[in-house]
Amino acid sequence: MPVKILKERLLNLAEVKKILEERSSKGELSYFQRVTLDYATKFSQLSAEKSVQIIKKLTENFGISESTAIQIVNAVPKSIDELRVFLTNEQKIFTEEELSEFLKILEEP
């Protein structure tokens, strides 16, 4: 029977990890799902809840796209130079102060 897609949205690594962990507790994962869970476990640096909060702050405070905010949350850049790599596709040029504020948001407990 074909699968019916009810909704579609972008996910960050922490959310993917949470979803696959929940699914694995209900039954066996496919090979692709196990590999994806392994990857998400190794590379996600924040909890799912915290990453969603940060994405919301970044999109609201700085007007960046959700996909850019997700990439920033997935990588958690530690310096302004690392952060700039993710902002190259945005239509806005950010000041040093704004970039520092990005990093402060990422470092919040």
Protein backbone atom coordinates (compact mmCIF):
# COMPACT_ATOMS: atom_id res chain seq x y z
CA MET A 1 0.00 0.00 0.00
CA PRO A 2 1.46 3.42 -0.92
CA VAL A 3 2.36 5.86 1.83
CA LYS A 4 0.30 9.03 2.01
CA ILE A 5 2.28 12.18 2.90
CA LEU A 6 0.30 14.30 5.33
CA LYS A 7 2.76 17.15 5.73
CA GLU A 8 6.32 18.02 4.93
CA ARG A 9 8.79 20.19 6.83
CA LEU A 10 12.52 20.66 7.27
CA LEU A 11 14.18 18.86 10.18
CA ASN A 12 17.49 19.39 11.92
CA LEU A 13 19.75 16.51 12.96
CA ALA A 14 18.56 16.50 16.57
CA GLU A 15 14.94 16.15 15.47
CA VAL A 16 15.85 13.34 13.08
CA LYS A 17 17.67 11.58 15.90
CA LYS A 18 14.68 11.92 18.24
CA ILE A 19 12.21 10.63 15.64
CA LEU A 20 14.34 7.62 14.74
CA GLU A 21 14.99 6.76 18.40
CA GLU A 22 11.24 6.81 19.04
CA ARG A 23 10.63 4.67 15.97
CA SER A 24 13.34 2.17 16.97
CA SER A 25 11.65 1.64 20.35
CA LYS A 26 8.49 0.54 18.50
CA GLY A 27 10.18 -1.84 16.10
CA GLU A 28 13.18 -2.55 13.97
CA LEU A 29 14.60 0.18 11.74
CA SER A 30 15.45 -0.33 8.10
CA TYR A 31 19.10 -0.24 7.06
CA PHE A 32 18.77 3.34 5.80
CA GLN A 33 17.10 4.42 9.03
CA ARG A 34 19.84 2.79 11.15
CA VAL A 35 22.58 4.51 9.15
CA THR A 36 20.75 7.84 9.44
CA LEU A 37 20.28 7.39 13.19
CA ASP A 38 24.00 6.58 13.56
CA TYR A 39 24.92 9.73 11.63
CA ALA A 40 22.50 11.93 13.58
CA THR A 41 23.76 10.52 16.88
CA LYS A 42 27.38 11.24 15.99
CA PHE A 43 26.88 14.74 14.64
CA SER A 44 23.94 16.35 16.45
CA GLN A 45 25.29 18.59 19.17
CA LEU A 46 22.06 19.94 20.69
CA SER A 47 18.82 18.47 21.97
CA ALA A 48 15.81 18.52 19.65
CA GLU A 49 13.97 21.01 21.85
CA LYS A 50 16.91 23.40 22.13
CA SER A 51 17.63 23.26 18.40
CA VAL A 52 14.02 24.14 17.55
CA GLN A 53 14.17 27.11 19.96
CA ILE A 54 17.42 28.35 18.42
CA ILE A 55 16.09 28.01 14.87
CA LYS A 56 13.05 30.05 15.85
CA LYS A 57 15.22 32.77 17.45
CA LEU A 58 17.54 32.96 14.44
CA THR A 59 14.72 33.24 11.91
CA GLU A 60 12.78 35.79 13.95
CA ASN A 61 15.68 37.94 15.19
CA PHE A 62 17.80 38.00 12.04
CA GLY A 63 15.34 37.30 9.22
CA ILE A 64 17.27 34.35 7.81
CA SER A 65 15.59 31.43 6.09
CA GLU A 66 14.64 28.34 8.05
CA SER A 67 16.95 26.17 5.94
CA THR A 68 19.92 28.43 6.75
CA ALA A 69 19.04 28.40 10.45
CA ILE A 70 18.86 24.60 10.39
CA GLN A 71 22.29 24.34 8.79
CA ILE A 72 23.71 26.66 11.44
CA VAL A 73 22.15 24.60 14.23
CA ASN A 74 23.41 21.36 12.70
CA ALA A 75 27.00 22.62 12.51
CA VAL A 76 27.07 24.92 15.60
CA PRO A 77 29.85 27.19 14.30
CA LYS A 78 32.26 28.45 16.96
CA SER A 79 33.63 31.54 15.22
CA ILE A 80 32.38 34.39 13.09
CA ASP A 81 34.36 33.12 10.10
CA GLU A 82 32.70 29.69 10.37
CA LEU A 83 29.29 31.34 10.71
CA ARG A 84 29.77 33.48 7.59
CA VAL A 85 29.99 30.33 5.46
CA PHE A 86 26.35 29.54 6.24
CA LEU A 87 25.13 33.08 5.57
CA THR A 88 26.45 33.44 2.01
CA ASN A 89 23.04 32.67 0.44
CA GLU A 90 21.16 35.18 2.56
CA GLN A 91 20.17 38.50 0.97
CA LYS A 92 21.41 40.51 3.94
CA ILE A 93 24.94 41.41 4.99
CA PHE A 94 25.38 41.03 8.74
CA THR A 95 27.48 43.28 10.96
CA GLU A 96 30.12 41.97 13.35
CA GLU A 97 27.75 42.69 16.24
CA GLU A 98 24.96 40.67 14.64
CA LEU A 99 27.32 37.79 13.96
CA SER A 100 28.47 37.89 17.58
CA GLU A 101 24.83 37.78 18.63
CA PHE A 102 24.33 34.67 16.46
CA LEU A 103 27.15 32.97 18.34
CA LYS A 104 25.77 34.03 21.74
CA ILE A 105 22.42 32.46 20.87
CA LEU A 106 24.16 29.22 19.89
CA GLU A 107 26.09 29.16 23.17
CA GLU A 108 23.10 29.73 25.46
CA PRO A 109 22.49 26.85 27.87
